């Protein structure tokens, strides 16, 4: 563990990122960029580029194709942990002492690499009835590699980069406005995942969805939203929220007060 005089670990992070947008034609827009990150506790620096194309079929519909990469640097608990316990108030003295360190000290492994993700997305966005019905949908493929999936417990802190997750899925959302006060939104996602570690199975649900209806009054906005997902390791999730938002104006200040009841 790297220590300064106060006993605290030292961590230096250097980050640089860039983004470019190029209008290739009236219908085609190209986005490109990258992020570079260097962390003092990790041997390998992280470089993550991305490239996207947005093609406007017409004034109402757009197709996008995006390839992107990302990195997660191991955090300071994964790279510089020096874990031990000080035990006080022993029942019996030992060598004239009544306190001391537990016999086991757990330290972080060396040589952990950044976690990586590669993502390819084909998306569609537009409106069918101008000003009323809009949609957004995407198909995607994501590959997560060099994952640090172990729990990192006191008696077993053997962290590695040996795990990966492959995901293929779809996400879609519809929004419909009728009149000047009501709006209905619904969304659904499907995810097929292949994991190499049992702990990763607890992070992904195959089916998820939500539906919401919002009424915007003169001073009060009311929203009723329900969420649901298919079971993950035998446990499902369902929730319904009712929210009320009150807008007020006090002098030159605008104040919004919101209350939410969940079931």
Protein backbone atom coordinates (compact mmCIF):
# COMPACT_ATOMS: atom_id res chain seq x y z
CA UNK A 1 0.00 0.00 0.00
CA UNK A 2 1.39 3.40 -0.90
CA UNK A 3 1.29 5.62 2.18
CA UNK A 4 1.99 9.24 2.95
CA UNK A 5 2.69 10.45 6.47
CA UNK A 6 -1.00 10.59 7.35
CA UNK A 7 -1.39 6.91 6.44
CA UNK A 8 -3.69 7.63 3.48
CA UNK A 9 -3.17 6.05 0.03
CA UNK A 10 -2.16 8.33 -2.83
CA UNK A 11 -4.03 8.22 -6.14
CA UNK A 12 -3.35 10.38 -9.21
CA UNK A 13 -5.75 10.44 -12.18
CA UNK A 14 -5.06 12.09 -15.54
CA UNK A 15 -7.96 12.29 -18.01
CA UNK A 16 -8.26 13.70 -21.51
CA UNK A 17 -11.28 13.50 -23.80
CA UNK A 18 -12.28 14.89 -27.17
CA UNK A 19 -15.40 15.01 -29.34
CA UNK A 20 -15.97 16.01 -32.96
CA UNK A 21 -19.15 16.48 -34.98
CA UNK A 22 -19.01 16.66 -38.76
CA UNK A 23 -21.94 17.46 -41.05
CA UNK A 24 -21.07 15.30 -44.06
CA UNK A 25 -24.24 16.23 -45.94
CA UNK A 26 -27.70 17.61 -45.31
CA UNK A 27 -28.77 14.16 -44.11
CA UNK A 28 -25.62 12.59 -42.63
CA UNK A 29 -23.94 13.65 -39.38
CA UNK A 30 -20.78 11.95 -38.09
CA UNK A 31 -19.71 12.01 -34.43
CA UNK A 32 -16.30 10.81 -33.27
CA UNK A 33 -14.38 11.04 -30.06
CA UNK A 34 -12.24 9.32 -27.49
CA UNK A 35 -11.32 9.30 -23.81
CA UNK A 36 -7.87 8.66 -22.36
CA UNK A 37 -7.36 7.94 -18.67
CA UNK A 38 -4.22 7.18 -16.68
CA UNK A 39 -4.39 6.15 -13.01
CA UNK A 40 -1.29 5.91 -10.84
CA UNK A 41 -2.37 2.65 -9.18
CA UNK A 42 -2.96 0.81 -12.51
CA UNK A 43 -0.17 -0.21 -14.88
CA UNK A 44 -2.22 0.08 -18.09
CA UNK A 45 -3.70 3.38 -19.29
CA UNK A 46 -7.21 3.35 -20.80
CA UNK A 47 -8.02 4.54 -24.32
CA UNK A 48 -11.67 4.37 -25.43
CA UNK A 49 -12.70 5.64 -28.91
CA UNK A 50 -16.22 5.96 -30.31
CA UNK A 51 -17.77 6.62 -33.73
CA UNK A 52 -21.38 7.34 -34.65
CA UNK A 53 -23.41 8.00 -37.81
CA UNK A 54 -26.82 9.69 -37.85
CA UNK A 55 -28.70 9.55 -41.15
CA UNK A 56 -31.90 11.57 -41.52
CA UNK A 57 -34.26 9.64 -43.80
CA UNK A 58 -36.54 12.68 -43.84
CA UNK A 59 -37.64 15.43 -41.47
CA UNK A 60 -39.39 12.91 -39.21
CA UNK A 61 -37.18 9.80 -39.07
CA UNK A 62 -33.50 9.19 -38.27
CA UNK A 63 -31.33 6.07 -38.28
CA UNK A 64 -28.17 5.88 -36.17
CA UNK A 65 -25.26 3.45 -36.14
CA UNK A 66 -22.85 3.74 -33.21
CA UNK A 67 -19.70 1.84 -32.27
CA UNK A 68 -18.27 2.75 -28.90
CA UNK A 69 -15.82 1.45 -26.35
CA UNK A 70 -15.40 2.14 -22.67
CA UNK A 71 -13.07 1.38 -19.78
CA UNK A 72 -13.49 1.13 -16.02
CA UNK A 73 -10.29 1.54 -14.09
CA UNK A 74 -9.90 -0.63 -10.97
CA UNK A 75 -10.71 1.50 -7.94
CA UNK A 76 -8.37 2.14 -5.04
CA UNK A 77 -9.91 -0.62 -2.89
CA UNK A 78 -9.18 -3.12 -5.67
CA UNK A 79 -5.59 -2.03 -6.22
CA UNK A 80 -4.26 -0.66 -2.92
CA UNK A 81 -6.12 -2.43 -0.13
CA UNK A 82 -4.25 -3.25 3.08
CA UNK A 83 -6.96 -4.74 5.28
CA UNK A 84 -6.43 -5.80 8.89
CA UNK A 85 -8.24 -5.65 12.24
CA UNK A 86 -7.05 -4.26 15.54
CA UNK A 87 -8.46 -6.32 18.42
CA UNK A 88 -8.70 -4.65 21.83
CA UNK A 89 -9.73 -5.69 25.38
CA UNK A 90 -8.41 -9.24 25.35
CA UNK A 91 -9.73 -11.40 28.17
CA UNK A 92 -6.18 -12.38 29.07
CA UNK A 93 -2.88 -10.63 28.62
CA UNK A 94 -0.41 -12.05 26.14
CA UNK A 95 3.21 -10.97 26.39
CA UNK A 96 2.04 -8.09 28.54
CA UNK A 97 -0.45 -6.79 25.97
CA UNK A 98 -4.25 -6.63 25.83
CA UNK A 99 -4.56 -5.55 22.20
CA UNK A 100 -3.00 -6.41 18.86
CA UNK A 101 -3.51 -6.99 15.17
CA UNK A 102 -5.46 -9.99 13.91
CA UNK A 103 -3.04 -12.56 12.50
CA UNK A 104 -4.32 -12.17 8.91
CA UNK A 105 -3.72 -9.12 6.73
CA UNK A 106 -5.49 -8.97 3.36
CA UNK A 107 -3.85 -7.06 0.51
CA UNK A 108 -4.87 -6.30 -3.06
CA UNK A 109 -3.45 -8.38 -5.90
CA UNK A 110 -1.01 -6.83 -8.35
CA UNK A 111 -1.47 -6.35 -12.07
CA UNK A 112 -5.22 -5.72 -12.35
CA UNK A 113 -6.21 -4.29 -15.74
CA UNK A 114 -9.06 -1.92 -16.71
CA UNK A 115 -12.43 -3.52 -17.44
CA UNK A 116 -13.50 -3.07 -21.08
CA UNK A 117 -16.74 -2.80 -23.02
CA UNK A 118 -17.34 -2.80 -26.77
CA UNK A 119 -20.79 -1.78 -27.99
CA UNK A 120 -22.46 -1.77 -31.40
CA UNK A 121 -25.89 -0.12 -31.73
CA UNK A 122 -28.42 0.30 -34.52
CA UNK A 123 -31.10 2.80 -33.54
CA UNK A 124 -34.18 4.51 -34.91
CA UNK A 125 -35.82 7.77 -33.79
CA UNK A 126 -38.69 9.77 -35.14
CA UNK A 127 -42.33 10.75 -34.99
CA UNK A 128 -45.25 9.20 -36.80
CA UNK A 129 -47.82 11.83 -36.05
CA UNK A 130 -45.93 15.15 -35.79
CA UNK A 131 -46.16 16.56 -32.29
CA UNK A 132 -48.15 13.58 -30.98
CA UNK A 133 -46.53 10.14 -31.38
CA UNK A 134 -42.75 9.74 -31.14
CA UNK A 135 -40.63 6.61 -30.91
CA UNK A 136 -37.08 5.59 -30.10
CA UNK A 137 -35.72 2.06 -30.51
CA UNK A 138 -32.34 0.39 -30.64
CA UNK A 139 -30.81 -3.03 -31.18
CA UNK A 140 -27.45 -3.57 -29.55
CA UNK A 141 -24.62 -5.98 -28.94
CA UNK A 142 -22.23 -5.42 -26.03
CA UNK A 143 -19.14 -7.34 -24.97
CA UNK A 144 -17.74 -6.77 -21.48
CA UNK A 145 -14.28 -8.27 -20.92
CA UNK A 146 -11.59 -8.32 -18.22
CA UNK A 147 -14.28 -7.97 -15.56
CA UNK A 148 -13.40 -8.00 -11.86
CA UNK A 149 -16.38 -9.99 -10.62
CA UNK A 150 -15.15 -11.50 -7.35
CA UNK A 151 -16.65 -10.16 -4.10
CA UNK A 152 -13.32 -9.36 -2.47
CA UNK A 153 -13.89 -10.72 1.03
CA UNK A 154 -11.48 -10.47 3.96
CA UNK A 155 -10.59 -14.17 3.88
CA UNK A 156 -10.59 -14.34 0.07
CA UNK A 157 -9.38 -11.25 -1.78
CA UNK A 158 -8.23 -13.01 -4.95
CA UNK A 159 -9.43 -10.47 -7.53
CA UNK A 160 -8.83 -11.23 -11.21
CA UNK A 161 -9.68 -9.99 -14.72
CA UNK A 162 -10.88 -13.42 -15.82
CA UNK A 163 -14.59 -12.77 -16.33
CA UNK A 164 -16.75 -11.54 -19.18
CA UNK A 165 -20.37 -10.84 -20.18
CA UNK A 166 -21.89 -10.87 -23.68
CA UNK A 167 -25.21 -9.07 -24.11
CA UNK A 168 -27.60 -8.80 -27.03
CA UNK A 169 -30.84 -6.89 -26.72
CA UNK A 170 -33.49 -4.43 -27.77
CA UNK A 171 -34.89 -1.28 -26.16
CA UNK A 172 -37.91 0.68 -27.32
CA UNK A 173 -40.01 3.60 -26.15
CA UNK A 174 -43.25 5.18 -27.40
CA UNK A 175 -44.63 8.54 -26.32
CA UNK A 176 -48.05 9.88 -27.25
CA UNK A 177 -49.46 13.32 -26.47
CA UNK A 178 -53.17 13.95 -26.73
CA UNK A 179 -54.55 17.36 -26.12
CA UNK A 180 -52.43 19.89 -24.30
CA UNK A 181 -52.53 18.17 -20.91
CA UNK A 182 -52.03 14.40 -21.22
CA UNK A 183 -49.00 12.35 -22.20
CA UNK A 184 -48.59 8.57 -22.20
CA UNK A 185 -45.18 6.87 -22.33
CA UNK A 186 -44.38 3.16 -22.47
CA UNK A 187 -41.09 1.31 -22.80
CA UNK A 188 -39.82 -2.24 -23.04
CA UNK A 189 -36.38 -3.87 -23.12
CA UNK A 190 -35.21 -7.39 -23.84
CA UNK A 191 -31.76 -8.61 -22.84
CA UNK A 192 -30.06 -11.91 -23.54
CA UNK A 193 -26.85 -12.24 -21.53
CA UNK A 194 -24.13 -14.86 -21.26
CA UNK A 195 -21.97 -14.59 -18.14
CA UNK A 196 -18.85 -16.37 -16.91
CA UNK A 197 -19.34 -15.61 -13.21
CA UNK A 198 -22.30 -16.43 -10.99
CA UNK A 199 -22.30 -12.96 -9.39
CA UNK A 200 -22.88 -11.33 -12.79
CA UNK A 201 -26.19 -13.22 -13.12
CA UNK A 202 -27.71 -11.03 -10.39
CA UNK A 203 -27.25 -7.85 -12.46
CA UNK A 204 -29.33 -8.55 -15.57
CA UNK A 205 -33.05 -9.12 -16.12
CA UNK A 206 -34.27 -10.55 -19.43
CA UNK A 207 -37.50 -8.49 -19.62
CA UNK A 208 -38.15 -4.98 -18.29
CA UNK A 209 -40.92 -2.52 -18.94
CA UNK A 210 -42.67 0.61 -17.74
CA UNK A 211 -45.77 2.66 -18.51
CA UNK A 212 -46.58 6.20 -17.43
CA UNK A 213 -49.41 8.68 -17.80
CA UNK A 214 -48.87 12.35 -17.00
CA UNK A 215 -51.41 15.13 -16.64
CA UNK A 216 -50.07 18.67 -16.68
CA UNK A 217 -52.50 21.09 -15.04
CA UNK A 218 -52.13 24.80 -14.67
CA UNK A 219 -50.19 24.55 -11.41
CA UNK A 220 -50.06 20.81 -10.58
CA UNK A 221 -48.55 17.95 -12.56
CA UNK A 222 -49.73 14.40 -11.78
CA UNK A 223 -47.83 11.29 -12.90
CA UNK A 224 -48.72 7.62 -12.46
CA UNK A 225 -45.93 5.21 -13.41
CA UNK A 226 -45.56 1.46 -13.09
CA UNK A 227 -42.36 -0.59 -13.50
CA UNK A 228 -41.88 -4.33 -13.84
CA UNK A 229 -39.13 -6.81 -14.63
CA UNK A 230 -38.79 -10.56 -14.98
CA UNK A 231 -37.18 -12.55 -12.13
CA UNK A 232 -33.44 -12.35 -11.53
CA UNK A 233 -32.12 -15.33 -9.55
CA UNK A 234 -35.70 -16.01 -8.45
CA UNK A 235 -36.52 -12.42 -7.42
CA UNK A 236 -38.74 -10.09 -9.48
CA UNK A 237 -39.31 -6.35 -9.15
CA UNK A 238 -42.60 -4.46 -9.49
CA UNK A 239 -43.31 -0.89 -8.40
CA UNK A 240 -45.94 1.80 -8.93
CA UNK A 241 -45.33 5.50 -8.25
CA UNK A 242 -47.86 8.31 -7.91
CA UNK A 243 -46.23 11.74 -8.04
CA UNK A 244 -47.65 15.22 -7.56
CA UNK A 245 -45.63 18.31 -8.46
CA UNK A 246 -46.74 21.78 -7.45
CA UNK A 247 -45.21 24.81 -9.16
CA UNK A 248 -45.11 28.10 -7.27
CA UNK A 249 -43.63 31.48 -7.87
CA UNK A 250 -42.36 33.54 -4.95
CA UNK A 251 -41.24 36.92 -6.20
CA UNK A 252 -38.51 36.32 -8.73
CA UNK A 253 -38.00 32.70 -7.62
CA UNK A 254 -39.61 29.63 -9.14
CA UNK A 255 -40.21 26.74 -6.70
CA UNK A 256 -41.35 23.19 -7.41
CA UNK A 257 -42.53 20.91 -4.60
CA UNK A 258 -42.91 17.21 -5.34
CA UNK A 259 -44.32 14.33 -3.39
CA UNK A 260 -44.21 10.65 -4.40
CA UNK A 261 -46.04 7.62 -3.03
CA UNK A 262 -44.64 4.22 -4.04
CA UNK A 263 -46.11 0.74 -3.80
